[in-house]
Amino acid sequence: MAGKKEKVTFEIQKDLIKMLEVAAEKHNLPSVDKALRCILDFVATDGDWEDIFNTRRCIRCGSKTGWKA
């Protein structure tokens, strides 16, 4: 366990919880918390912030129902 962790509360859609569960299981991670930390580490170090925050990716608009496994 690297670094001190703090408990936070935030809201995400049910399909994103499922996405984190699938990621944790697929990569043999101990929890969805770890899956989210891996994603955040990637965004912080390798992510193109301009692309991430300036490109529209609404996966729930219209008839779309969100992330699919």
C-alpha atoms as a PDB file:
ATOM      1  CA  MET A   1       0.000   0.000   0.000  1.00  0.00           C
ATOM      2  CA  ALA A   2       1.750   3.118  -1.223  1.00  0.00           C
ATOM      3  CA  GLY A   3       0.783   6.448   0.279  1.00  0.00           C
ATOM      4  CA  LYS A   4      -1.809   7.404   2.857  1.00  0.00           C
ATOM      5  CA  LYS A   5      -5.359   7.032   1.605  1.00  0.00           C
ATOM      6  CA  GLU A   6      -8.323   9.161   2.577  1.00  0.00           C
ATOM      7  CA  LYS A   7     -11.936   8.099   2.445  1.00  0.00           C
ATOM      8  CA  VAL A   8     -14.032  10.170   0.024  1.00  0.00           C
ATOM      9  CA  THR A   9     -17.642  10.018  -1.053  1.00  0.00           C
ATOM     10  CA  PHE A  10     -18.866  10.753  -4.556  1.00  0.00           C
ATOM     11  CA  GLU A  11     -21.624   9.694  -6.899  1.00  0.00           C
ATOM     12  CA  ILE A  12     -21.252   7.663 -10.084  1.00  0.00           C
ATOM     13  CA  GLN A  13     -23.723   5.782 -12.244  1.00  0.00           C
ATOM     14  CA  LYS A  14     -24.408   2.068 -11.638  1.00  0.00           C
ATOM     15  CA  ASP A  15     -22.828   1.079 -14.957  1.00  0.00           C
ATOM     16  CA  LEU A  16     -19.533   2.661 -13.865  1.00  0.00           C
ATOM     17  CA  ILE A  17     -19.602   0.697 -10.619  1.00  0.00           C
ATOM     18  CA  LYS A  18     -19.986  -2.421 -12.769  1.00  0.00           C
ATOM     19  CA  MET A  19     -17.069  -1.271 -14.940  1.00  0.00           C
ATOM     20  CA  LEU A  20     -14.856  -0.966 -11.847  1.00  0.00           C
ATOM     21  CA  GLU A  21     -15.991  -4.398 -10.623  1.00  0.00           C
ATOM     22  CA  VAL A  22     -15.129  -5.959 -13.992  1.00  0.00           C
ATOM     23  CA  ALA A  23     -11.733  -4.214 -14.035  1.00  0.00           C
ATOM     24  CA  ALA A  24     -10.935  -5.366 -10.484  1.00  0.00           C
ATOM     25  CA  GLU A  25     -11.887  -8.958 -11.273  1.00  0.00           C
ATOM     26  CA  LYS A  26     -10.155  -9.057 -14.664  1.00  0.00           C
ATOM     27  CA  HIS A  27      -6.893  -7.690 -13.256  1.00  0.00           C
ATOM     28  CA  ASN A  28      -7.051  -9.539  -9.931  1.00  0.00           C
ATOM     29  CA  LEU A  29      -7.239  -6.334  -7.902  1.00  0.00           C
ATOM     30  CA  PRO A  30      -8.339  -6.439  -4.263  1.00  0.00           C
ATOM     31  CA  SER A  31     -11.204  -3.946  -4.683  1.00  0.00           C
ATOM     32  CA  VAL A  32     -13.010  -1.490  -6.924  1.00  0.00           C
ATOM     33  CA  ASP A  33     -11.207   1.202  -4.930  1.00  0.00           C
ATOM     34  CA  LYS A  34      -7.887  -0.070  -6.306  1.00  0.00           C
ATOM     35  CA  ALA A  35      -9.324  -0.197  -9.838  1.00  0.00           C
ATOM     36  CA  LEU A  36     -10.342   3.457  -9.560  1.00  0.00           C
ATOM     37  CA  ARG A  37      -6.933   4.431  -8.143  1.00  0.00           C
ATOM     38  CA  CYS A  38      -5.256   2.728 -11.131  1.00  0.00           C
ATOM     39  CA  ILE A  39      -7.467   4.713 -13.522  1.00  0.00           C
ATOM     40  CA  LEU A  40      -6.735   7.967 -11.683  1.00  0.00           C
ATOM     41  CA  ASP A  41      -2.984   7.248 -11.689  1.00  0.00           C
ATOM     42  CA  PHE A  42      -3.139   6.705 -15.445  1.00  0.00           C
ATOM     43  CA  VAL A  43      -5.027   9.967 -15.957  1.00  0.00           C
ATOM     44  CA  ALA A  44      -2.549  11.824 -13.755  1.00  0.00           C
ATOM     45  CA  THR A  45       0.573  10.495 -15.476  1.00  0.00           C
ATOM     46  CA  ASP A  46      -0.292   9.369 -19.008  1.00  0.00           C
ATOM     47  CA  GLY A  47      -3.660  10.897 -19.777  1.00  0.00           C
ATOM     48  CA  ASP A  48      -4.055  13.733 -22.256  1.00  0.00           C
ATOM     49  CA  TRP A  49      -6.063  16.113 -20.095  1.00  0.00           C
ATOM     50  CA  GLU A  50      -7.128  18.230 -23.062  1.00  0.00           C
ATOM     51  CA  ASP A  51      -8.533  15.153 -24.787  1.00  0.00           C
ATOM     52  CA  ILE A  52     -10.069  13.778 -21.601  1.00  0.00           C
ATOM     53  CA  PHE A  53     -11.875  16.949 -20.584  1.00  0.00           C
ATOM     54  CA  ASN A  54     -12.564  18.604 -23.944  1.00  0.00           C
ATOM     55  CA  THR A  55     -13.926  15.633 -25.929  1.00  0.00           C
ATOM     56  CA  ARG A  56     -17.599  14.835 -25.480  1.00  0.00           C
ATOM     57  CA  ARG A  57     -18.206  11.190 -24.658  1.00  0.00           C
ATOM     58  CA  CYS A  58     -21.776  10.989 -23.451  1.00  0.00           C
ATOM     59  CA  ILE A  59     -22.431   7.270 -23.141  1.00  0.00           C
ATOM     60  CA  ARG A  60     -25.839   7.853 -21.545  1.00  0.00           C
ATOM     61  CA  CYS A  61     -27.437  10.277 -24.022  1.00  0.00           C
ATOM     62  CA  GLY A  62     -30.456   9.273 -26.070  1.00  0.00           C
ATOM     63  CA  SER A  63     -30.918   5.524 -26.229  1.00  0.00           C
ATOM     64  CA  LYS A  64     -27.487   4.723 -24.831  1.00  0.00           C
ATOM     65  CA  THR A  65     -27.464   3.011 -21.438  1.00  0.00           C
ATOM     66  CA  GLY A  66     -23.873   3.464 -20.361  1.00  0.00           C
ATOM     67  CA  TRP A  67     -20.814   1.248 -20.142  1.00  0.00           C
ATOM     68  CA  LYS A  68     -21.176  -2.345 -21.325  1.00  0.00           C
ATOM     69  CA  ALA A  69     -18.946  -5.282 -20.393  1.00  0.00           C
END
